[in-house]
Amino acid sequence: MRLVRWSAVLASVLLTGCVFSSGREAPRKPPAVRERGSRPVTLLRPTPKETQQCFADLSREEVRFSPLPDRDFGGGCEVLGAVQLIDVGVPITNLKSMRCPLARSFIGWLRFAVAPAAKQILGSELVRVESFGTYSCRAIVGGASNRLSEHGLGNAVDIGGFVLADGRKIRVLGGWKSDDAQVRDFFKVIHRSACKRFKTVLSPDYNAAHYNHLHLDMGRGPFCA
């Protein structure tokens, strides 16, 4: 019986995958690379139409946010077309600036995958999302190369867990391979939905560096692990 119910939830979540889908942005000529650790520079240039459309999408979905100026932090780290999310309907911890297309996909995932799965599989409302943050000027953690992480572009968010109305804390650490089948089912559903919405999704199954969180980004892809 539980398998049938889980299958119904999964089908419902995946059918919403087209909601908040992001359009492809036209490639831009990269700016000259400044030394990492340089003082941040505000880049004064027109807002691309893709970013304006993204802002409009967020407004249409009644998301409260603040558009942020483009910033160059040096060392290839920059955040373009970014927003600071203020109110998406549920509190999110440690959330800094993030590129608008990432924010759009992230909000769609929370509203149409995570929240319904929490209610239908775990039997309680989602009341808080625990994030490990977005922007961080650094290389990929656990990677063989020194390639800049999507976090260095404000184009990635790491999610550590969720808090439910009944007080339960459903965290990736301990929950990903939980003895509780419902918790495992919950993570399976939201992971599969994330793979439909983001370019790259990394879970504890990918490598040891992701043992306690889900990495979601809009960079290269598609890649889901």
N, C-alpha and C. Protein backbone atom coordinates (compact mmCIF):
# COMPACT_ATOMS: atom_id res chain seq x y z
N MET A 1 0.84 -1.21 0.00
CA MET A 1 0.00 0.00 0.00
C MET A 1 0.87 1.25 0.00
N ARG A 2 1.94 1.24 0.81
CA ARG A 2 2.83 2.41 0.89
C ARG A 2 3.52 2.63 -0.44
N LEU A 3 3.87 1.52 -1.16
CA LEU A 3 4.53 1.65 -2.46
C LEU A 3 3.62 2.34 -3.45
N VAL A 4 2.32 1.98 -3.43
CA VAL A 4 1.37 2.61 -4.34
C VAL A 4 1.24 4.09 -4.03
N ARG A 5 1.16 4.43 -2.73
CA ARG A 5 1.03 5.83 -2.34
C ARG A 5 2.27 6.63 -2.75
N TRP A 6 3.47 6.02 -2.54
CA TRP A 6 4.72 6.71 -2.91
C TRP A 6 4.76 6.95 -4.41
N SER A 7 4.31 5.97 -5.19
CA SER A 7 4.33 6.12 -6.65
C SER A 7 3.43 7.26 -7.08
N ALA A 8 2.28 7.40 -6.41
CA ALA A 8 1.36 8.49 -6.74
C ALA A 8 1.97 9.84 -6.43
N VAL A 9 2.68 9.93 -5.30
CA VAL A 9 3.34 11.19 -4.94
C VAL A 9 4.41 11.54 -5.94
N LEU A 10 5.22 10.53 -6.33
CA LEU A 10 6.29 10.77 -7.29
C LEU A 10 5.74 11.27 -8.61
N ALA A 11 4.67 10.63 -9.08
CA ALA A 11 4.07 11.06 -10.35
C ALA A 11 3.57 12.48 -10.26
N SER A 12 2.96 12.82 -9.13
CA SER A 12 2.42 14.18 -8.95
C SER A 12 3.53 15.21 -8.97
N VAL A 13 4.64 14.90 -8.30
CA VAL A 13 5.76 15.84 -8.23
C VAL A 13 6.40 16.02 -9.58
N LEU A 14 6.61 14.92 -10.31
CA LEU A 14 7.30 15.02 -11.59
C LEU A 14 6.46 15.75 -12.63
N LEU A 15 5.15 15.67 -12.52
CA LEU A 15 4.29 16.37 -13.47
C LEU A 15 4.39 17.87 -13.34
N THR A 16 4.89 18.34 -12.19
CA THR A 16 5.04 19.79 -11.99
C THR A 16 6.41 20.27 -12.42
N GLY A 17 7.23 19.40 -13.01
CA GLY A 17 8.59 19.76 -13.34
C GLY A 17 8.71 20.90 -14.32
N CYS A 18 7.65 21.13 -15.11
CA CYS A 18 7.72 22.21 -16.09
C CYS A 18 7.47 23.57 -15.46
N VAL A 19 6.96 23.60 -14.24
CA VAL A 19 6.66 24.87 -13.58
C VAL A 19 7.96 25.55 -13.19
N PHE A 20 8.05 26.83 -13.46
CA PHE A 20 9.25 27.61 -13.16
C PHE A 20 10.45 27.10 -13.95
N SER A 21 10.27 26.47 -15.09
CA SER A 21 11.43 26.04 -15.87
C SER A 21 12.15 27.28 -16.35
N SER A 22 13.48 27.18 -16.44
CA SER A 22 14.27 28.36 -16.78
C SER A 22 14.67 28.35 -18.24
N GLY A 23 14.66 29.52 -18.84
CA GLY A 23 15.10 29.64 -20.21
C GLY A 23 16.61 29.70 -20.29
N ARG A 24 17.15 29.46 -21.49
CA ARG A 24 18.59 29.51 -21.66
C ARG A 24 19.02 30.94 -21.89
N GLU A 25 20.08 31.33 -21.22
CA GLU A 25 20.58 32.69 -21.39
C GLU A 25 21.61 32.72 -22.51
N ALA A 26 21.63 33.81 -23.24
CA ALA A 26 22.61 33.97 -24.30
C ALA A 26 24.00 34.05 -23.70
N PRO A 27 25.01 33.39 -24.34
CA PRO A 27 26.36 33.44 -23.79
C PRO A 27 26.91 34.85 -23.76
N ARG A 28 27.70 35.14 -22.72
CA ARG A 28 28.28 36.47 -22.57
C ARG A 28 29.80 36.38 -22.61
N LYS A 29 30.43 37.38 -23.14
CA LYS A 29 31.88 37.42 -23.12
C LYS A 29 32.33 37.61 -21.68
N PRO A 30 33.20 36.70 -21.17
CA PRO A 30 33.61 36.81 -19.77
C PRO A 30 34.47 38.04 -19.53
N PRO A 31 34.33 38.68 -18.36
CA PRO A 31 35.15 39.85 -18.06
C PRO A 31 36.58 39.44 -17.75
N ALA A 32 37.47 40.41 -17.78
CA ALA A 32 38.86 40.14 -17.42
C ALA A 32 38.92 39.65 -15.98
N VAL A 33 39.71 38.59 -15.75
CA VAL A 33 39.79 37.99 -14.42
C VAL A 33 40.67 38.84 -13.51
N ARG A 34 40.11 39.23 -12.37
CA ARG A 34 40.85 39.97 -11.36
C ARG A 34 41.34 39.01 -10.29
N GLU A 35 42.35 39.42 -9.56
CA GLU A 35 42.94 38.56 -8.54
C GLU A 35 41.91 38.23 -7.46
N ARG A 36 41.90 36.95 -7.06
CA ARG A 36 40.97 36.54 -6.01
C ARG A 36 41.31 37.26 -4.71
N GLY A 37 40.27 37.70 -4.03
CA GLY A 37 40.49 38.45 -2.79
C GLY A 37 40.51 39.95 -3.02
N SER A 38 40.39 40.36 -4.30
CA SER A 38 40.34 41.78 -4.60
C SER A 38 39.07 42.39 -4.00
N ARG A 39 39.10 43.69 -3.82
CA ARG A 39 37.92 44.36 -3.32
C ARG A 39 36.79 44.22 -4.34
N PRO A 40 35.56 43.88 -3.88
CA PRO A 40 34.45 43.72 -4.82
C PRO A 40 34.20 44.98 -5.63
N VAL A 41 33.90 44.79 -6.90
CA VAL A 41 33.62 45.90 -7.80
C VAL A 41 32.19 45.76 -8.32
N THR A 42 31.43 46.84 -8.26
CA THR A 42 30.08 46.83 -8.82
C THR A 42 30.17 47.09 -10.32
N LEU A 43 29.59 46.19 -11.10
CA LEU A 43 29.64 46.29 -12.56
C LEU A 43 28.43 47.07 -13.05
N LEU A 44 28.69 48.21 -13.67
CA LEU A 44 27.61 49.07 -14.15
C LEU A 44 27.33 48.76 -15.61
N ARG A 45 26.28 48.00 -15.87
CA ARG A 45 25.91 47.68 -17.24
C ARG A 45 24.42 47.34 -17.27
N PRO A 46 23.81 47.41 -18.44
CA PRO A 46 22.37 47.16 -18.53
C PRO A 46 22.01 45.75 -18.07
N THR A 47 20.84 45.61 -17.50
CA THR A 47 20.35 44.30 -17.09
C THR A 47 19.88 43.53 -18.32
N PRO A 48 20.41 42.33 -18.56
CA PRO A 48 19.98 41.55 -19.73
C PRO A 48 18.48 41.25 -19.69
N LYS A 49 17.90 41.08 -20.88
CA LYS A 49 16.46 40.80 -20.96
C LYS A 49 16.11 39.51 -20.23
N GLU A 50 17.01 38.51 -20.27
CA GLU A 50 16.74 37.24 -19.59
C GLU A 50 16.58 37.45 -18.09
N THR A 51 17.41 38.34 -17.54
CA THR A 51 17.33 38.61 -16.11
C THR A 51 16.06 39.37 -15.78
N GLN A 52 15.71 40.34 -16.62
CA GLN A 52 14.46 41.09 -16.41
C GLN A 52 13.26 40.15 -16.44
N GLN A 53 13.29 39.19 -17.37
CA GLN A 53 12.19 38.22 -17.45
C GLN A 53 12.13 37.36 -16.20
N CYS A 54 13.30 37.00 -15.69
CA CYS A 54 13.35 36.20 -14.46
C CYS A 54 12.77 36.97 -13.29
N PHE A 55 13.12 38.25 -13.18
CA PHE A 55 12.55 39.09 -12.12
C PHE A 55 11.02 39.11 -12.24
N ALA A 56 10.54 39.23 -13.47
CA ALA A 56 9.09 39.27 -13.70
C ALA A 56 8.44 37.95 -13.30
N ASP A 57 9.13 36.84 -13.58
CA ASP A 57 8.61 35.53 -13.20
C ASP A 57 8.46 35.42 -11.68
N LEU A 58 9.46 35.89 -10.95
CA LEU A 58 9.39 35.83 -9.49
C LEU A 58 8.26 36.70 -8.96
N SER A 59 8.12 37.88 -9.53
CA SER A 59 7.05 38.79 -9.10
C SER A 59 5.68 38.17 -9.37
N ARG A 60 5.54 37.54 -10.51
CA ARG A 60 4.26 36.92 -10.87
C ARG A 60 3.88 35.82 -9.89
N GLU A 61 4.89 35.14 -9.34
CA GLU A 61 4.63 34.07 -8.38
C GLU A 61 4.57 34.60 -6.94
N GLU A 62 4.50 35.93 -6.81
CA GLU A 62 4.36 36.58 -5.50
C GLU A 62 5.52 36.26 -4.56
N VAL A 63 6.71 36.22 -5.13
CA VAL A 63 7.94 36.05 -4.35
C VAL A 63 8.47 37.43 -3.99
N ARG A 64 8.78 37.65 -2.73
CA ARG A 64 9.39 38.91 -2.31
C ARG A 64 10.90 38.77 -2.43
N PHE A 65 11.52 39.70 -3.17
CA PHE A 65 12.96 39.63 -3.39
C PHE A 65 13.49 41.02 -3.68
N SER A 66 14.81 41.15 -3.58
CA SER A 66 15.49 42.40 -3.94
C SER A 66 16.48 42.12 -5.06
N PRO A 67 16.37 42.79 -6.21
CA PRO A 67 17.39 42.65 -7.25
C PRO A 67 18.71 43.22 -6.74
N LEU A 68 19.80 42.59 -7.08
CA LEU A 68 21.12 43.02 -6.62
C LEU A 68 21.98 43.47 -7.79
N PRO A 69 22.88 44.43 -7.56
CA PRO A 69 23.78 44.85 -8.64
C PRO A 69 24.77 43.75 -8.97
N ASP A 70 25.22 43.72 -10.22
CA ASP A 70 26.26 42.76 -10.61
C ASP A 70 27.54 43.09 -9.86
N ARG A 71 28.21 42.04 -9.34
CA ARG A 71 29.43 42.26 -8.56
C ARG A 71 30.54 41.36 -9.07
N ASP A 72 31.76 41.91 -9.15
CA ASP A 72 32.97 41.17 -9.49
C ASP A 72 33.82 41.10 -8.23
N PHE A 73 34.06 39.88 -7.74
CA PHE A 73 34.80 39.70 -6.49
C PHE A 73 36.26 39.30 -6.72
N GLY A 74 36.68 39.21 -7.98
CA GLY A 74 38.05 38.83 -8.28
C GLY A 74 38.22 37.33 -8.37
N GLY A 75 39.31 36.91 -9.04
CA GLY A 75 39.61 35.49 -9.15
C GLY A 75 38.59 34.71 -9.96
N GLY A 76 37.85 35.40 -10.82
CA GLY A 76 36.82 34.73 -11.60
C GLY A 76 35.48 34.65 -10.89
N CYS A 77 35.45 35.05 -9.61
CA CYS A 77 34.20 35.01 -8.85
C CYS A 77 33.39 36.27 -9.12
N GLU A 78 32.17 36.09 -9.57
CA GLU A 78 31.28 37.20 -9.82
C GLU A 78 29.84 36.71 -9.70
N VAL A 79 28.96 37.62 -9.38
CA VAL A 79 27.54 37.28 -9.27
C VAL A 79 26.76 38.25 -10.15
N LEU A 80 26.15 37.72 -11.20
CA LEU A 80 25.44 38.53 -12.19
C LEU A 80 23.95 38.19 -12.18
N GLY A 81 23.13 39.19 -12.36
CA GLY A 81 21.69 38.96 -12.43
C GLY A 81 21.16 38.28 -11.18
N ALA A 82 21.59 38.77 -10.02
CA ALA A 82 21.28 38.09 -8.76
C ALA A 82 20.13 38.74 -8.01
N VAL A 83 19.60 37.98 -7.07
CA VAL A 83 18.55 38.47 -6.18
C VAL A 83 18.85 38.02 -4.76
N GLN A 84 18.27 38.75 -3.83
CA GLN A 84 18.23 38.32 -2.44
C GLN A 84 16.78 37.96 -2.14
N LEU A 85 16.53 36.69 -1.88
CA LEU A 85 15.17 36.26 -1.58
C LEU A 85 14.78 36.72 -0.18
N ILE A 86 13.60 37.32 -0.06
CA ILE A 86 13.12 37.84 1.21
C ILE A 86 12.02 36.97 1.80
N ASP A 87 11.06 36.60 0.97
CA ASP A 87 9.95 35.77 1.45
C ASP A 87 9.44 34.91 0.31
N VAL A 88 9.60 33.59 0.46
CA VAL A 88 9.12 32.66 -0.57
C VAL A 88 7.99 31.79 -0.02
N GLY A 89 7.55 32.11 1.19
CA GLY A 89 6.47 31.35 1.80
C GLY A 89 6.91 30.46 2.93
N VAL A 90 8.21 30.19 3.02
CA VAL A 90 8.77 29.38 4.10
C VAL A 90 10.16 29.92 4.40
N PRO A 91 10.56 30.03 5.68
CA PRO A 91 11.89 30.56 6.01
C PRO A 91 12.99 29.64 5.48
N ILE A 92 14.08 30.27 5.03
CA ILE A 92 15.25 29.53 4.55
C ILE A 92 16.48 30.11 5.24
N THR A 93 17.24 29.28 5.91
CA THR A 93 18.41 29.75 6.65
C THR A 93 19.61 29.93 5.74
N ASN A 94 20.49 30.86 6.12
CA ASN A 94 21.81 31.05 5.49
C ASN A 94 21.76 31.34 4.00
N LEU A 95 20.70 31.94 3.54
CA LEU A 95 20.57 32.18 2.10
C LEU A 95 21.10 33.56 1.76
N LYS A 96 22.12 33.60 0.88
CA LYS A 96 22.71 34.85 0.44
C LYS A 96 22.24 35.13 -1.00
N SER A 97 22.99 35.99 -1.68
CA SER A 97 22.63 36.31 -3.05
C SER A 97 22.74 35.08 -3.93
N MET A 98 21.86 34.99 -4.91
CA MET A 98 21.90 33.89 -5.86
C MET A 98 21.39 34.40 -7.21
N ARG A 99 21.90 33.81 -8.27
CA ARG A 99 21.46 34.21 -9.59
C ARG A 99 19.97 33.93 -9.74
N CYS A 100 19.30 34.80 -10.46
CA CYS A 100 17.85 34.72 -10.55
C CYS A 100 17.35 33.39 -11.12
N PRO A 101 17.93 32.85 -12.19
CA PRO A 101 17.44 31.57 -12.69
C PRO A 101 17.55 30.46 -11.64
N LEU A 102 18.60 30.49 -10.83
CA LEU A 102 18.72 29.51 -9.75
C LEU A 102 17.60 29.71 -8.74
N ALA A 103 17.35 30.96 -8.37
CA ALA A 103 16.27 31.26 -7.42
C ALA A 103 14.93 30.78 -7.95
N ARG A 104 14.69 30.99 -9.23
CA ARG A 104 13.42 30.59 -9.84
C ARG A 104 13.23 29.07 -9.77
N SER A 105 14.26 28.33 -10.12
CA SER A 105 14.17 26.87 -10.06
C SER A 105 14.07 26.37 -8.62
N PHE A 106 14.80 27.03 -7.73
CA PHE A 106 14.81 26.64 -6.33
C PHE A 106 13.42 26.81 -5.70
N ILE A 107 12.79 27.94 -5.97
CA ILE A 107 11.46 28.19 -5.42
C ILE A 107 10.45 27.20 -5.99
N GLY A 108 10.54 26.92 -7.27
CA GLY A 108 9.64 25.93 -7.87
C GLY A 108 9.81 24.57 -7.23
N TRP A 109 11.05 24.19 -6.97
CA TRP A 109 11.34 22.90 -6.32
C TRP A 109 10.74 22.84 -4.93
N LEU A 110 10.92 23.91 -4.15
CA LEU A 110 10.38 23.94 -2.79
C LEU A 110 8.86 23.86 -2.80
N ARG A 111 8.24 24.66 -3.66
CA ARG A 111 6.78 24.76 -3.65
C ARG A 111 6.08 23.54 -4.24
N PHE A 112 6.65 22.99 -5.30
CA PHE A 112 5.93 21.95 -6.03
C PHE A 112 6.52 20.56 -5.87
N ALA A 113 7.59 20.42 -5.10
CA ALA A 113 8.17 19.10 -4.85
C ALA A 113 8.37 18.87 -3.36
N VAL A 114 9.18 19.72 -2.72
CA VAL A 114 9.53 19.49 -1.31
C VAL A 114 8.31 19.61 -0.40
N ALA A 115 7.58 20.71 -0.50
CA ALA A 115 6.43 20.92 0.38
C ALA A 115 5.35 19.84 0.21
N PRO A 116 4.95 19.50 -1.03
CA PRO A 116 3.97 18.42 -1.19
C PRO A 116 4.46 17.07 -0.69
N ALA A 117 5.75 16.77 -0.95
CA ALA A 117 6.30 15.49 -0.50
C ALA A 117 6.33 15.40 1.02
N ALA A 118 6.65 16.51 1.68
CA ALA A 118 6.66 16.53 3.15
C ALA A 118 5.27 16.22 3.68
N LYS A 119 4.26 16.84 3.09
CA LYS A 119 2.89 16.66 3.56
C LYS A 119 2.38 15.26 3.25
N GLN A 120 2.61 14.78 2.04
CA GLN A 120 2.01 13.52 1.60
C GLN A 120 2.78 12.29 2.06
N ILE A 121 4.10 12.38 2.15
CA ILE A 121 4.89 11.23 2.55
C ILE A 121 5.16 11.22 4.05
N LEU A 122 5.52 12.38 4.59
CA LEU A 122 5.90 12.46 6.00
C LEU A 122 4.74 12.89 6.89
N GLY A 123 3.67 13.39 6.29
CA GLY A 123 2.47 13.71 7.06
C GLY A 123 2.52 14.99 7.85
N SER A 124 3.39 15.93 7.45
CA SER A 124 3.49 17.20 8.18
C SER A 124 3.92 18.30 7.24
N GLU A 125 3.50 19.53 7.55
CA GLU A 125 3.82 20.69 6.70
C GLU A 125 5.30 21.07 6.83
N LEU A 126 5.86 21.55 5.72
CA LEU A 126 7.21 22.11 5.72
C LEU A 126 7.17 23.50 6.33
N VAL A 127 8.02 23.76 7.35
CA VAL A 127 8.01 25.08 7.99
C VAL A 127 9.36 25.78 7.91
N ARG A 128 10.43 25.07 7.57
CA ARG A 128 11.73 25.73 7.42
C ARG A 128 12.65 24.89 6.54
N VAL A 129 13.48 25.58 5.78
CA VAL A 129 14.49 24.94 4.96
C VAL A 129 15.85 25.32 5.51
N GLU A 130 16.72 24.32 5.71
CA GLU A 130 18.05 24.57 6.25
C GLU A 130 19.07 24.53 5.11
N SER A 131 19.59 25.71 4.79
CA SER A 131 20.55 25.86 3.70
C SER A 131 21.96 26.02 4.26
N PHE A 132 22.95 25.53 3.50
CA PHE A 132 24.35 25.77 3.84
C PHE A 132 24.90 26.97 3.07
N GLY A 133 24.03 27.65 2.33
CA GLY A 133 24.46 28.87 1.67
C GLY A 133 24.49 28.77 0.16
N THR A 134 24.81 29.90 -0.45
CA THR A 134 24.85 30.02 -1.91
C THR A 134 26.23 30.50 -2.37
N TYR A 135 26.47 31.82 -2.33
CA TYR A 135 27.73 32.35 -2.85
C TYR A 135 28.91 32.02 -1.94
N SER A 136 29.99 31.54 -2.56
CA SER A 136 31.26 31.31 -1.87
C SER A 136 32.34 31.23 -2.93
N CYS A 137 33.32 32.13 -2.87
CA CYS A 137 34.37 32.18 -3.89
C CYS A 137 35.41 31.09 -3.59
N ARG A 138 35.25 29.95 -4.23
CA ARG A 138 36.14 28.81 -3.97
C ARG A 138 36.09 27.83 -5.13
N ALA A 139 37.04 26.89 -5.11
CA ALA A 139 37.06 25.83 -6.10
C ALA A 139 36.08 24.73 -5.69
N ILE A 140 35.85 23.79 -6.59
CA ILE A 140 34.95 22.67 -6.31
C ILE A 140 35.53 21.83 -5.19
N VAL A 141 34.74 21.56 -4.17
CA VAL A 141 35.19 20.75 -3.04
C VAL A 141 35.12 19.28 -3.44
N GLY A 142 36.23 18.56 -3.20
CA GLY A 142 36.25 17.14 -3.51
C GLY A 142 36.54 16.84 -4.96
N GLY A 143 36.80 17.85 -5.76
CA GLY A 143 37.10 17.65 -7.17
C GLY A 143 38.59 17.48 -7.42
N ALA A 144 38.92 16.82 -8.53
CA ALA A 144 40.32 16.59 -8.86
C ALA A 144 40.98 17.85 -9.41
N SER A 145 40.20 18.74 -9.98
CA SER A 145 40.74 19.97 -10.57
C SER A 145 40.55 21.14 -9.61
N ASN A 146 41.10 22.28 -10.01
CA ASN A 146 40.94 23.50 -9.22
C ASN A 146 39.90 24.41 -9.86
N ARG A 147 38.98 23.80 -10.61
CA ARG A 147 37.96 24.57 -11.33
C ARG A 147 37.05 25.29 -10.35
N LEU A 148 36.69 26.51 -10.70
CA LEU A 148 35.84 27.33 -9.85
C LEU A 148 34.47 26.67 -9.67
N SER A 149 34.01 26.65 -8.44
CA SER A 149 32.69 26.11 -8.14
C SER A 149 31.61 27.06 -8.64
N GLU A 150 30.44 26.52 -8.94
CA GLU A 150 29.30 27.36 -9.29
C GLU A 150 28.90 28.26 -8.12
N HIS A 151 29.32 27.90 -6.91
CA HIS A 151 29.08 28.77 -5.76
C HIS A 151 29.80 30.11 -5.95
N GLY A 152 30.93 30.09 -6.66
CA GLY A 152 31.68 31.31 -6.91
C GLY A 152 31.00 32.25 -7.88
N LEU A 153 29.90 31.79 -8.46
CA LEU A 153 29.10 32.60 -9.38
C LEU A 153 27.71 32.87 -8.81
N GLY A 154 27.49 32.46 -7.57
CA GLY A 154 26.16 32.61 -6.98
C GLY A 154 25.14 31.74 -7.70
N ASN A 155 25.63 30.64 -8.28
CA ASN A 155 24.80 29.82 -9.15
C ASN A 155 24.53 28.44 -8.57
N ALA A 156 24.73 28.30 -7.25
CA ALA A 156 24.51 27.01 -6.59
C ALA A 156 24.01 27.24 -5.17
N VAL A 157 23.25 26.28 -4.68
CA VAL A 157 22.77 26.33 -3.30
C VAL A 157 22.90 24.93 -2.71
N ASP A 158 23.31 24.85 -1.46
CA ASP A 158 23.45 23.58 -0.75
C ASP A 158 22.35 23.48 0.31
N ILE A 159 21.65 22.36 0.31
CA ILE A 159 20.54 22.16 1.24
C ILE A 159 20.87 21.02 2.20
N GLY A 160 20.83 21.36 3.50
CA GLY A 160 21.17 20.36 4.52
C GLY A 160 19.98 19.63 5.08
N GLY A 161 18.80 20.25 5.06
CA GLY A 161 17.65 19.56 5.62
C GLY A 161 16.42 20.43 5.69
N PHE A 162 15.42 19.89 6.37
CA PHE A 162 14.11 20.54 6.44
C PHE A 162 13.52 20.35 7.83
N VAL A 163 12.71 21.32 8.25
CA VAL A 163 12.02 21.23 9.54
C VAL A 163 10.52 21.18 9.26
N LEU A 164 9.84 20.27 9.95
CA LEU A 164 8.41 20.08 9.74
C LEU A 164 7.60 20.69 10.88
N ALA A 165 6.32 20.89 10.64
CA ALA A 165 5.44 21.51 11.62
C ALA A 165 5.34 20.70 12.90
N ASP A 166 5.52 19.39 12.81
CA ASP A 166 5.44 18.55 14.00
C ASP A 166 6.74 18.51 14.80
N GLY A 167 7.72 19.32 14.36
CA GLY A 167 8.98 19.43 15.09
C GLY A 167 10.10 18.57 14.56
N ARG A 168 9.81 17.64 13.68
CA ARG A 168 10.86 16.78 13.15
C ARG A 168 11.83 17.55 12.26
N LYS A 169 13.10 17.19 12.36
CA LYS A 169 14.13 17.74 11.49
C LYS A 169 14.60 16.63 10.56
N ILE A 170 14.32 16.82 9.29
CA ILE A 170 14.64 15.81 8.29
C ILE A 170 15.90 16.26 7.56
N ARG A 171 17.04 15.72 7.96
CA ARG A 171 18.32 16.17 7.42
C ARG A 171 18.92 15.14 6.48
N VAL A 172 19.68 15.65 5.51
CA VAL A 172 20.36 14.76 4.58
C VAL A 172 21.30 13.84 5.35
N LEU A 173 22.03 14.39 6.30
CA LEU A 173 22.90 13.59 7.15
C LEU A 173 22.03 12.73 8.07
N GLY A 174 22.07 11.46 7.88
CA GLY A 174 21.26 10.56 8.68
C GLY A 174 19.95 10.19 8.02
N GLY A 175 19.42 11.08 7.19
CA GLY A 175 18.14 10.81 6.56
C GLY A 175 18.23 10.18 5.19
N TRP A 176 19.33 10.44 4.49
CA TRP A 176 19.48 9.93 3.13
C TRP A 176 19.39 8.40 3.09
N LYS A 177 20.00 7.75 4.07
CA LYS A 177 19.92 6.29 4.18
C LYS A 177 19.29 5.90 5.51
N SER A 178 18.25 6.61 5.86
CA SER A 178 17.55 6.40 7.13
C SER A 178 16.93 5.01 7.22
N ASP A 179 16.79 4.52 8.46
CA ASP A 179 16.06 3.27 8.69
C ASP A 179 14.56 3.46 8.47
N ASP A 180 14.13 4.72 8.48
CA ASP A 180 12.72 5.05 8.27
C ASP A 180 12.45 5.10 6.76
N ALA A 181 11.66 4.16 6.27
CA ALA A 181 11.40 4.07 4.83
C ALA A 181 10.72 5.32 4.29
N GLN A 182 9.89 5.97 5.10
CA GLN A 182 9.20 7.17 4.63
C GLN A 182 10.18 8.32 4.41
N VAL A 183 11.18 8.44 5.28
CA VAL A 183 12.20 9.47 5.10
C VAL A 183 13.00 9.20 3.84
N ARG A 184 13.37 7.95 3.62
CA ARG A 184 14.09 7.60 2.39
C ARG A 184 13.25 7.92 1.16
N ASP A 185 11.97 7.59 1.22
CA ASP A 185 11.08 7.89 0.10
C ASP A 185 11.00 9.39 -0.16
N PHE A 186 10.92 10.17 0.90
CA PHE A 186 10.88 11.63 0.78
C PHE A 186 12.09 12.14 0.01
N PHE A 187 13.28 11.68 0.39
CA PHE A 187 14.48 12.14 -0.29
C PHE A 187 14.55 11.65 -1.73
N LYS A 188 14.06 10.46 -1.99
CA LYS A 188 14.04 9.96 -3.38
C LYS A 188 13.18 10.86 -4.26
N VAL A 189 12.02 11.25 -3.74
CA VAL A 189 11.10 12.08 -4.52
C VAL A 189 11.68 13.46 -4.79
N ILE A 190 12.20 14.12 -3.76
CA ILE A 190 12.69 15.48 -3.97
C ILE A 190 13.99 15.48 -4.77
N HIS A 191 14.79 14.41 -4.66
CA HIS A 191 16.01 14.31 -5.45
C HIS A 191 15.67 14.16 -6.93
N ARG A 192 14.71 13.30 -7.23
CA ARG A 192 14.33 13.10 -8.63
C ARG A 192 13.73 14.36 -9.22
N SER A 193 12.94 15.07 -8.43
CA SER A 193 12.38 16.33 -8.92
C SER A 193 13.48 17.36 -9.16
N ALA A 194 14.46 17.43 -8.26
CA ALA A 194 15.58 18.37 -8.43
C ALA A 194 16.31 18.11 -9.73
N CYS A 195 16.47 16.84 -10.08
CA CYS A 195 17.18 16.50 -11.31
C CYS A 195 16.43 16.96 -12.56
N LYS A 196 15.12 17.23 -12.43
CA LYS A 196 14.33 17.76 -13.54
C LYS A 196 14.45 19.28 -13.64
N ARG A 197 14.84 19.94 -12.55
CA ARG A 197 14.79 21.40 -12.48
C ARG A 197 16.16 22.07 -12.57
N PHE A 198 17.19 21.40 -12.07
CA PHE A 198 18.53 22.00 -12.01
C PHE A 198 19.45 21.32 -13.02
N LYS A 199 20.53 22.02 -13.38
CA LYS A 199 21.51 21.46 -14.31
C LYS A 199 22.34 20.36 -13.66
N THR A 200 22.73 20.59 -12.40
CA THR A 200 23.55 19.62 -11.66
C THR A 200 22.96 19.41 -10.28
N VAL A 201 22.83 18.15 -9.89
CA VAL A 201 22.36 17.78 -8.56
C VAL A 201 23.33 16.74 -8.00
N LEU A 202 23.91 17.04 -6.85
CA LEU A 202 24.86 16.13 -6.21
C LEU A 202 24.36 15.76 -4.83
N SER A 203 24.33 14.48 -4.54
CA SER A 203 23.82 13.96 -3.27
C SER A 203 24.93 13.20 -2.54
N PRO A 204 24.64 12.63 -1.37
CA PRO A 204 25.65 11.80 -0.70
C PRO A 204 26.10 10.61 -1.54
N ASP A 205 25.32 10.21 -2.53
CA ASP A 205 25.72 9.10 -3.39
C ASP A 205 26.84 9.50 -4.35
N TYR A 206 27.09 10.80 -4.50
CA TYR A 206 28.09 11.27 -5.46
C TYR A 206 29.50 11.10 -4.92
N ASN A 207 29.80 11.74 -3.79
CA ASN A 207 31.11 11.58 -3.16
C ASN A 207 31.04 11.99 -1.69
N ALA A 208 32.14 11.78 -0.98
CA ALA A 208 32.17 12.04 0.46
C ALA A 208 31.97 13.51 0.80
N ALA A 209 32.32 14.40 -0.13
CA ALA A 209 32.19 15.84 0.13
C ALA A 209 30.72 16.26 0.26
N HIS A 210 29.81 15.43 -0.21
CA HIS A 210 28.38 15.77 -0.17
C HIS A 210 27.62 14.86 0.79
N TYR A 211 28.30 14.41 1.83
CA TYR A 211 27.70 13.46 2.78
C TYR A 211 26.53 14.05 3.56
N ASN A 212 26.47 15.39 3.65
CA ASN A 212 25.45 15.99 4.51
C ASN A 212 24.56 17.02 3.82
N HIS A 213 24.59 17.05 2.50
CA HIS A 213 23.75 18.05 1.82
C HIS A 213 23.48 17.66 0.37
N LEU A 214 22.50 18.34 -0.21
CA LEU A 214 22.22 18.26 -1.63
C LEU A 214 22.75 19.53 -2.28
N HIS A 215 23.58 19.37 -3.29
CA HIS A 215 24.11 20.50 -4.05
C HIS A 215 23.25 20.67 -5.29
N LEU A 216 22.72 21.87 -5.49
CA LEU A 216 21.86 22.17 -6.63
C LEU A 216 22.43 23.37 -7.38
N ASP A 217 22.69 23.23 -8.67
CA ASP A 217 23.20 24.39 -9.41
C ASP A 217 22.66 24.44 -10.82
N MET A 218 22.85 25.62 -11.44
CA MET A 218 22.37 25.86 -12.79
C MET A 218 23.53 26.04 -13.77
N GLY A 219 24.66 25.40 -13.48
CA GLY A 219 25.84 25.52 -14.32
C GLY A 219 25.85 24.50 -15.45
N ARG A 220 26.95 23.74 -15.52
CA ARG A 220 27.07 22.73 -16.56
C ARG A 220 26.14 21.55 -16.25
N GLY A 221 25.77 20.85 -17.27
CA GLY A 221 24.90 19.72 -17.06
C GLY A 221 24.24 19.30 -18.36
N PRO A 222 23.28 18.40 -18.27
CA PRO A 222 22.69 17.87 -17.04
C PRO A 222 23.55 16.79 -16.40
N PHE A 223 23.57 16.78 -15.08
CA PHE A 223 24.26 15.74 -14.32
C PHE A 223 23.51 15.54 -13.01
N CYS A 224 23.16 14.31 -12.72
CA CYS A 224 22.38 14.00 -11.52
C CYS A 224 23.00 12.80 -10.83
N ALA A 225 23.35 12.98 -9.56
CA ALA A 225 23.97 11.87 -8.82
C ALA A 225 23.56 11.94 -7.35
